Every structure is written in C-alpha cells, then in structure tokens.
Amino acid sequence: MADWGPVVIAVVLFVLLSPGLLFQLPGRGKVVEFGNMHTSGISILVHTIIFFGLLTIFLIAVGVHIYTG
C-alpha cells in the first residue's frame, strides 16, 4: 500500500501558495495583493517559508495519510 498523503498535500499547497496566484505576500505596492499574477524575490521567499511550515504541520503534527490499494 502506498501512502499518497504527503504527495497530495504537497501538490495542493504548492498550487495554492504560488506567489501571485491567489495572493502575494508582500505585494508590490501593498502588504498583501490578491490575484495579481506578479511576483518578486522576497514574496517567493515568504511563500516558501509558509509552504514548508504548513507542509510540516500537516505531515508531522496532524499526520495526514491517504492509502491506496
């Protein structure tokens, strides 16, 4: 049986936390901008930290597992 939980959680978080797709933190002119489809180096860094923080919480603290088979 394969555990697909980490894969599914990582893909969903990657898509949702892509800078500029849903939101960008920090924005180009404001602190938060929504749906602007632009990015910057600092926003990539901030979104990377948020991604790994949420991924760690979901995989280690909560223990999300999806088994197939």
C-alpha atoms as a PDB file:
ATOM      1  CA  MET A   1       0.000   0.000   0.000  1.00  0.00           C
ATOM      2  CA  ALA A   2       1.280   3.417  -0.934  1.00  0.00           C
ATOM      3  CA  ASP A   3       0.853   6.479   1.246  1.00  0.00           C
ATOM      4  CA  TRP A   4      -0.280   9.312  -1.043  1.00  0.00           C
ATOM      5  CA  GLY A   5      -0.961  11.821   1.738  1.00  0.00           C
ATOM      6  CA  PRO A   6       2.368  13.678   1.542  1.00  0.00           C
ATOM      7  CA  VAL A   7       2.197  13.871  -2.253  1.00  0.00           C
ATOM      8  CA  VAL A   8      -1.364  15.203  -2.356  1.00  0.00           C
ATOM      9  CA  ILE A   9      -0.782  17.737   0.436  1.00  0.00           C
ATOM     10  CA  ALA A  10       2.461  18.996  -1.167  1.00  0.00           C
ATOM     11  CA  VAL A  11       0.885  19.423  -4.610  1.00  0.00           C
ATOM     12  CA  VAL A  12      -2.196  21.234  -3.259  1.00  0.00           C
ATOM     13  CA  LEU A  13      -0.095  23.568  -1.103  1.00  0.00           C
ATOM     14  CA  PHE A  14       2.309  24.225  -3.985  1.00  0.00           C
ATOM     15  CA  VAL A  15      -0.518  25.274  -6.287  1.00  0.00           C
ATOM     16  CA  LEU A  16      -2.366  27.350  -3.674  1.00  0.00           C
ATOM     17  CA  LEU A  17       0.757  29.087  -2.359  1.00  0.00           C
ATOM     18  CA  SER A  18       2.245  30.039  -5.721  1.00  0.00           C
ATOM     19  CA  PRO A  19       3.050  33.750  -5.359  1.00  0.00           C
ATOM     20  CA  GLY A  20       0.551  35.870  -7.271  1.00  0.00           C
ATOM     21  CA  LEU A  21      -1.987  33.130  -7.974  1.00  0.00           C
ATOM     22  CA  LEU A  22      -4.358  33.664  -5.034  1.00  0.00           C
ATOM     23  CA  PHE A  23      -2.369  36.213  -3.075  1.00  0.00           C
ATOM     24  CA  GLN A  24       1.096  37.690  -2.848  1.00  0.00           C
ATOM     25  CA  LEU A  25       2.721  38.458   0.473  1.00  0.00           C
ATOM     26  CA  PRO A  26       4.355  41.058   0.417  1.00  0.00           C
ATOM     27  CA  GLY A  27       2.782  42.695  -2.600  1.00  0.00           C
ATOM     28  CA  ARG A  28       4.428  45.101  -4.989  1.00  0.00           C
ATOM     29  CA  GLY A  29       2.627  48.180  -3.654  1.00  0.00           C
ATOM     30  CA  LYS A  30       0.765  46.883  -0.600  1.00  0.00           C
ATOM     31  CA  VAL A  31       1.383  44.336   2.129  1.00  0.00           C
ATOM     32  CA  VAL A  32      -0.974  41.780   0.540  1.00  0.00           C
ATOM     33  CA  GLU A  33      -2.239  41.734  -3.042  1.00  0.00           C
ATOM     34  CA  PHE A  34      -4.794  39.288  -4.392  1.00  0.00           C
ATOM     35  CA  GLY A  35      -4.725  37.640  -7.831  1.00  0.00           C
ATOM     36  CA  ASN A  36      -2.214  39.971  -9.459  1.00  0.00           C
ATOM     37  CA  MET A  37      -0.171  37.209 -11.199  1.00  0.00           C
ATOM     38  CA  HIS A  38       3.115  39.039 -10.455  1.00  0.00           C
ATOM     39  CA  THR A  39       5.901  38.007  -8.109  1.00  0.00           C
ATOM     40  CA  SER A  40       9.150  39.180  -6.582  1.00  0.00           C
ATOM     41  CA  GLY A  41      12.120  37.561  -4.903  1.00  0.00           C
ATOM     42  CA  ILE A  42      11.013  38.426  -1.383  1.00  0.00           C
ATOM     43  CA  SER A  43       7.497  37.090  -1.999  1.00  0.00           C
ATOM     44  CA  ILE A  44       8.973  33.821  -3.269  1.00  0.00           C
ATOM     45  CA  LEU A  45      10.975  33.556  -0.037  1.00  0.00           C
ATOM     46  CA  VAL A  46       7.936  34.328   2.149  1.00  0.00           C
ATOM     47  CA  HIS A  47       5.720  31.841   0.285  1.00  0.00           C
ATOM     48  CA  THR A  48       8.448  29.177   0.537  1.00  0.00           C
ATOM     49  CA  ILE A  49       8.618  29.592   4.310  1.00  0.00           C
ATOM     50  CA  ILE A  50       4.814  29.423   4.564  1.00  0.00           C
ATOM     51  CA  PHE A  51       4.773  26.316   2.318  1.00  0.00           C
ATOM     52  CA  PHE A  52       7.306  24.376   4.375  1.00  0.00           C
ATOM     53  CA  GLY A  53       5.670  25.459   7.628  1.00  0.00           C
ATOM     54  CA  LEU A  54       2.223  24.259   6.548  1.00  0.00           C
ATOM     55  CA  LEU A  55       3.644  21.091   4.992  1.00  0.00           C
ATOM     56  CA  THR A  56       5.410  20.259   8.258  1.00  0.00           C
ATOM     57  CA  ILE A  57       2.250  20.881  10.264  1.00  0.00           C
ATOM     58  CA  PHE A  58       0.074  18.721   8.016  1.00  0.00           C
ATOM     59  CA  LEU A  59       2.526  15.834   7.652  1.00  0.00           C
ATOM     60  CA  ILE A  60       4.145  15.627  11.077  1.00  0.00           C
ATOM     61  CA  ALA A  61       1.757  17.222  13.577  1.00  0.00           C
ATOM     62  CA  VAL A  62      -1.569  16.224  12.025  1.00  0.00           C
ATOM     63  CA  GLY A  63      -0.320  13.074  10.271  1.00  0.00           C
ATOM     64  CA  VAL A  64      -2.330  13.123   7.040  1.00  0.00           C
ATOM     65  CA  HIS A  65      -2.277   9.703   5.339  1.00  0.00           C
ATOM     66  CA  ILE A  66      -4.083   8.553   2.184  1.00  0.00           C
ATOM     67  CA  TYR A  67      -3.609   4.855   1.476  1.00  0.00           C
ATOM     68  CA  THR A  68      -4.401   3.133  -1.811  1.00  0.00           C
ATOM     69  CA  GLY A  69      -4.657  -0.496  -2.531  1.00  0.00           C
END
